[in-house]
């Protein structure tokens, strides 16, 4: 992971709402982009009950396994587990 984004950071490159709004048409309505990694993918938090968790979203299809049907990978069940893992 390269960076975790914040809220009202004063810099759009590090702002949760900037990235989430930029990619809102590609995200579930309950998803927030909370960070990115060196491979140009995003760290996404989903809070909708059914898909809750932290995921890696390979939006640039950098991984060989990624395709239109599957380019999102589970990382952790919740933010605390994610934080403890990282």
N, C-alpha and C. Protein backbone atom coordinates (compact mmCIF):
# COMPACT_ATOMS: atom_id res chain seq x y z
N UNK A 1 0.84 -1.16 0.00
CA UNK A 1 0.00 0.00 0.00
C UNK A 1 0.89 1.23 0.00
N UNK A 2 0.50 2.19 -0.81
CA UNK A 2 1.28 3.42 -0.94
C UNK A 2 0.79 4.50 0.02
N UNK A 3 -0.53 4.73 0.03
CA UNK A 3 -1.06 5.82 0.86
C UNK A 3 -2.51 5.52 1.25
N UNK A 4 -2.86 5.92 2.48
CA UNK A 4 -4.27 5.95 2.90
C UNK A 4 -4.75 7.37 2.71
N UNK A 5 -5.93 7.53 2.14
CA UNK A 5 -6.49 8.85 1.90
C UNK A 5 -7.20 9.36 3.15
N UNK A 6 -7.44 10.66 3.18
CA UNK A 6 -8.15 11.29 4.29
C UNK A 6 -9.35 12.07 3.77
N UNK A 7 -9.95 12.85 4.65
CA UNK A 7 -11.11 13.66 4.31
C UNK A 7 -10.72 15.13 4.48
N UNK A 8 -11.09 15.95 3.49
CA UNK A 8 -10.77 17.39 3.52
C UNK A 8 -9.28 17.62 3.77
N UNK A 9 -8.45 16.94 2.99
CA UNK A 9 -7.00 17.04 3.18
C UNK A 9 -6.41 18.31 2.57
N UNK A 10 -7.17 18.98 1.70
CA UNK A 10 -6.64 20.15 1.02
C UNK A 10 -5.84 19.78 -0.23
N UNK A 11 -5.75 18.49 -0.50
CA UNK A 11 -5.01 18.00 -1.66
C UNK A 11 -5.83 16.87 -2.28
N UNK A 12 -6.35 17.08 -3.48
CA UNK A 12 -7.24 16.08 -4.08
C UNK A 12 -6.56 14.72 -4.26
N UNK A 13 -5.25 14.69 -4.41
CA UNK A 13 -4.55 13.41 -4.58
C UNK A 13 -4.61 12.53 -3.35
N UNK A 14 -4.96 13.10 -2.21
CA UNK A 14 -5.02 12.32 -0.97
C UNK A 14 -6.40 12.37 -0.31
N UNK A 15 -7.42 12.70 -1.07
CA UNK A 15 -8.76 12.89 -0.52
C UNK A 15 -9.72 11.77 -0.91
N UNK A 16 -10.32 11.12 0.07
CA UNK A 16 -11.26 10.02 -0.14
C UNK A 16 -12.38 10.42 -1.09
N UNK A 17 -12.99 11.57 -0.84
CA UNK A 17 -14.15 11.96 -1.65
C UNK A 17 -13.76 12.28 -3.09
N UNK A 18 -12.59 12.85 -3.31
CA UNK A 18 -12.16 13.13 -4.67
C UNK A 18 -12.08 11.83 -5.48
N UNK A 19 -11.38 10.83 -4.95
CA UNK A 19 -11.21 9.57 -5.68
C UNK A 19 -12.52 8.81 -5.81
N UNK A 20 -13.32 8.80 -4.76
CA UNK A 20 -14.60 8.10 -4.82
C UNK A 20 -15.52 8.76 -5.84
N UNK A 21 -15.58 10.08 -5.86
CA UNK A 21 -16.40 10.80 -6.85
C UNK A 21 -15.88 10.57 -8.27
N UNK A 22 -14.57 10.54 -8.42
CA UNK A 22 -13.98 10.34 -9.75
C UNK A 22 -14.38 8.99 -10.34
N UNK A 23 -14.46 7.96 -9.51
CA UNK A 23 -14.74 6.60 -9.98
C UNK A 23 -16.13 6.11 -9.59
N UNK A 24 -17.03 7.02 -9.20
CA UNK A 24 -18.34 6.61 -8.69
C UNK A 24 -19.14 5.75 -9.66
N UNK A 25 -18.97 5.94 -10.95
CA UNK A 25 -19.71 5.14 -11.93
C UNK A 25 -19.22 3.70 -12.00
N UNK A 26 -18.03 3.44 -11.48
CA UNK A 26 -17.45 2.09 -11.49
C UNK A 26 -17.56 1.38 -10.15
N UNK A 27 -18.06 2.08 -9.12
CA UNK A 27 -18.10 1.54 -7.76
C UNK A 27 -19.52 1.21 -7.33
N UNK A 28 -19.62 0.31 -6.36
CA UNK A 28 -20.90 0.11 -5.69
C UNK A 28 -21.23 1.40 -4.95
N UNK A 29 -22.50 1.66 -4.74
CA UNK A 29 -22.90 2.90 -4.07
C UNK A 29 -22.41 2.95 -2.62
N UNK A 30 -22.13 1.81 -2.04
CA UNK A 30 -21.68 1.76 -0.64
C UNK A 30 -20.16 1.67 -0.52
N UNK A 31 -19.43 1.97 -1.59
CA UNK A 31 -17.98 1.84 -1.59
C UNK A 31 -17.29 3.20 -1.50
N UNK A 32 -16.16 3.21 -0.80
CA UNK A 32 -15.30 4.38 -0.71
C UNK A 32 -13.89 3.96 -1.08
N UNK A 33 -13.21 4.76 -1.88
CA UNK A 33 -11.81 4.51 -2.16
C UNK A 33 -11.02 5.16 -1.03
N UNK A 34 -10.31 4.33 -0.25
CA UNK A 34 -9.63 4.84 0.94
C UNK A 34 -8.11 4.90 0.79
N UNK A 35 -7.58 4.38 -0.32
CA UNK A 35 -6.13 4.43 -0.51
C UNK A 35 -5.73 3.87 -1.85
N UNK A 36 -4.42 3.88 -2.09
CA UNK A 36 -3.92 3.27 -3.32
C UNK A 36 -2.61 2.55 -3.04
N UNK A 37 -2.13 1.86 -4.06
CA UNK A 37 -0.88 1.13 -3.91
C UNK A 37 0.07 1.49 -5.04
N UNK A 38 1.25 0.96 -4.98
CA UNK A 38 2.27 1.27 -5.99
C UNK A 38 1.94 0.69 -7.35
N UNK A 39 1.05 -0.29 -7.43
CA UNK A 39 0.70 -0.93 -8.69
C UNK A 39 -0.45 -0.21 -9.40
N UNK A 40 -0.83 0.96 -8.94
CA UNK A 40 -1.90 1.77 -9.51
C UNK A 40 -3.28 1.18 -9.29
N UNK A 41 -3.44 0.42 -8.26
CA UNK A 41 -4.76 -0.07 -7.87
C UNK A 41 -5.24 0.72 -6.67
N UNK A 42 -6.48 0.49 -6.27
CA UNK A 42 -7.06 1.22 -5.16
C UNK A 42 -7.42 0.28 -4.02
N UNK A 43 -7.41 0.82 -2.81
CA UNK A 43 -7.91 0.13 -1.64
C UNK A 43 -9.33 0.67 -1.43
N UNK A 44 -10.31 -0.23 -1.42
CA UNK A 44 -11.72 0.16 -1.37
C UNK A 44 -12.37 -0.43 -0.13
N UNK A 45 -13.15 0.38 0.58
CA UNK A 45 -13.93 -0.10 1.72
C UNK A 45 -15.40 -0.13 1.31
N UNK A 46 -16.02 -1.29 1.50
CA UNK A 46 -17.44 -1.44 1.17
C UNK A 46 -18.21 -1.67 2.47
N UNK A 47 -19.29 -0.92 2.64
CA UNK A 47 -20.13 -1.00 3.84
C UNK A 47 -21.58 -1.12 3.43
N UNK A 48 -22.00 -2.32 3.07
CA UNK A 48 -23.40 -2.51 2.69
C UNK A 48 -24.03 -3.73 3.34
N UNK A 49 -23.32 -4.35 4.28
CA UNK A 49 -23.85 -5.53 4.95
C UNK A 49 -23.48 -6.82 4.24
N UNK A 50 -23.81 -6.92 2.96
CA UNK A 50 -23.56 -8.14 2.21
C UNK A 50 -22.10 -8.29 1.78
N UNK A 51 -21.50 -7.20 1.34
CA UNK A 51 -20.13 -7.24 0.82
C UNK A 51 -19.12 -6.51 1.71
N UNK A 52 -19.48 -6.29 2.97
CA UNK A 52 -18.61 -5.55 3.88
C UNK A 52 -17.17 -6.03 3.80
N UNK A 53 -16.27 -5.07 3.81
CA UNK A 53 -14.86 -5.44 3.86
C UNK A 53 -13.98 -4.43 3.16
N UNK A 54 -12.69 -4.77 3.17
CA UNK A 54 -11.67 -3.98 2.50
C UNK A 54 -11.18 -4.82 1.33
N UNK A 55 -11.09 -4.18 0.16
CA UNK A 55 -10.74 -4.88 -1.07
C UNK A 55 -9.64 -4.13 -1.81
N UNK A 56 -8.90 -4.87 -2.62
CA UNK A 56 -7.98 -4.28 -3.57
C UNK A 56 -8.68 -4.28 -4.91
N UNK A 57 -8.76 -3.12 -5.55
CA UNK A 57 -9.42 -2.99 -6.86
C UNK A 57 -8.35 -2.71 -7.91
N UNK A 58 -8.11 -3.67 -8.77
CA UNK A 58 -7.12 -3.55 -9.84
C UNK A 58 -7.79 -2.89 -11.04
N UNK A 59 -8.06 -1.61 -10.93
CA UNK A 59 -8.79 -0.89 -11.98
C UNK A 59 -8.00 -0.77 -13.28
N UNK A 60 -6.68 -0.90 -13.21
CA UNK A 60 -5.84 -0.79 -14.40
C UNK A 60 -5.48 -2.17 -14.98
N UNK A 61 -6.04 -3.22 -14.40
CA UNK A 61 -5.79 -4.60 -14.87
C UNK A 61 -4.29 -4.92 -14.92
N UNK A 62 -3.57 -4.56 -13.88
CA UNK A 62 -2.14 -4.83 -13.82
C UNK A 62 -1.82 -6.29 -13.50
N UNK A 63 -2.74 -6.97 -12.84
CA UNK A 63 -2.51 -8.37 -12.49
C UNK A 63 -3.05 -9.28 -13.58
N UNK A 64 -2.32 -10.31 -13.88
CA UNK A 64 -2.67 -11.24 -14.95
C UNK A 64 -4.07 -11.82 -14.78
N UNK A 65 -4.49 -12.05 -13.53
CA UNK A 65 -5.79 -12.65 -13.25
C UNK A 65 -6.96 -11.69 -13.48
N UNK A 66 -6.70 -10.41 -13.52
CA UNK A 66 -7.77 -9.41 -13.60
C UNK A 66 -8.38 -9.35 -14.99
N UNK A 67 -9.72 -9.24 -14.99
CA UNK A 67 -10.47 -9.09 -16.24
C UNK A 67 -11.76 -8.35 -15.91
N UNK A 68 -12.63 -8.15 -16.89
CA UNK A 68 -13.87 -7.40 -16.67
C UNK A 68 -14.79 -8.07 -15.65
N UNK A 69 -14.71 -9.38 -15.51
CA UNK A 69 -15.57 -10.09 -14.56
C UNK A 69 -14.97 -10.18 -13.16
N UNK A 70 -13.67 -9.95 -13.04
CA UNK A 70 -13.04 -10.08 -11.74
C UNK A 70 -11.74 -9.32 -11.63
N UNK A 71 -11.81 -8.16 -11.03
CA UNK A 71 -10.59 -7.39 -10.78
C UNK A 71 -10.60 -6.76 -9.39
N UNK A 72 -11.39 -7.36 -8.49
CA UNK A 72 -11.47 -6.90 -7.11
C UNK A 72 -11.16 -8.07 -6.20
N UNK A 73 -10.26 -7.84 -5.24
CA UNK A 73 -9.75 -8.92 -4.41
C UNK A 73 -9.93 -8.57 -2.93
N UNK A 74 -10.48 -9.51 -2.17
CA UNK A 74 -10.72 -9.33 -0.74
C UNK A 74 -9.39 -9.21 -0.01
N UNK A 75 -9.33 -8.27 0.94
CA UNK A 75 -8.16 -8.12 1.81
C UNK A 75 -8.51 -8.46 3.25
N UNK A 76 -9.59 -7.85 3.77
CA UNK A 76 -9.95 -8.03 5.18
C UNK A 76 -11.45 -7.82 5.37
N UNK A 77 -11.97 -8.34 6.46
CA UNK A 77 -13.40 -8.21 6.76
C UNK A 77 -13.79 -6.80 7.19
N UNK A 78 -12.85 -6.06 7.78
CA UNK A 78 -13.16 -4.72 8.27
C UNK A 78 -11.88 -3.90 8.35
N UNK A 79 -12.03 -2.61 8.66
CA UNK A 79 -10.87 -1.72 8.67
C UNK A 79 -9.87 -2.08 9.76
N UNK A 80 -10.35 -2.48 10.93
CA UNK A 80 -9.44 -2.85 12.03
C UNK A 80 -8.56 -4.02 11.61
N UNK A 81 -9.15 -5.06 11.02
CA UNK A 81 -8.36 -6.20 10.55
C UNK A 81 -7.38 -5.78 9.47
N UNK A 82 -7.81 -4.92 8.57
CA UNK A 82 -6.95 -4.39 7.51
C UNK A 82 -5.77 -3.64 8.12
N UNK A 83 -6.06 -2.76 9.06
CA UNK A 83 -5.02 -1.97 9.71
C UNK A 83 -4.01 -2.87 10.42
N UNK A 84 -4.50 -3.87 11.11
CA UNK A 84 -3.61 -4.79 11.81
C UNK A 84 -2.77 -5.62 10.87
N UNK A 85 -3.31 -5.90 9.68
CA UNK A 85 -2.60 -6.67 8.66
C UNK A 85 -1.49 -5.87 8.02
N UNK A 86 -1.79 -4.60 7.75
CA UNK A 86 -0.82 -3.73 7.07
C UNK A 86 0.25 -3.36 8.06
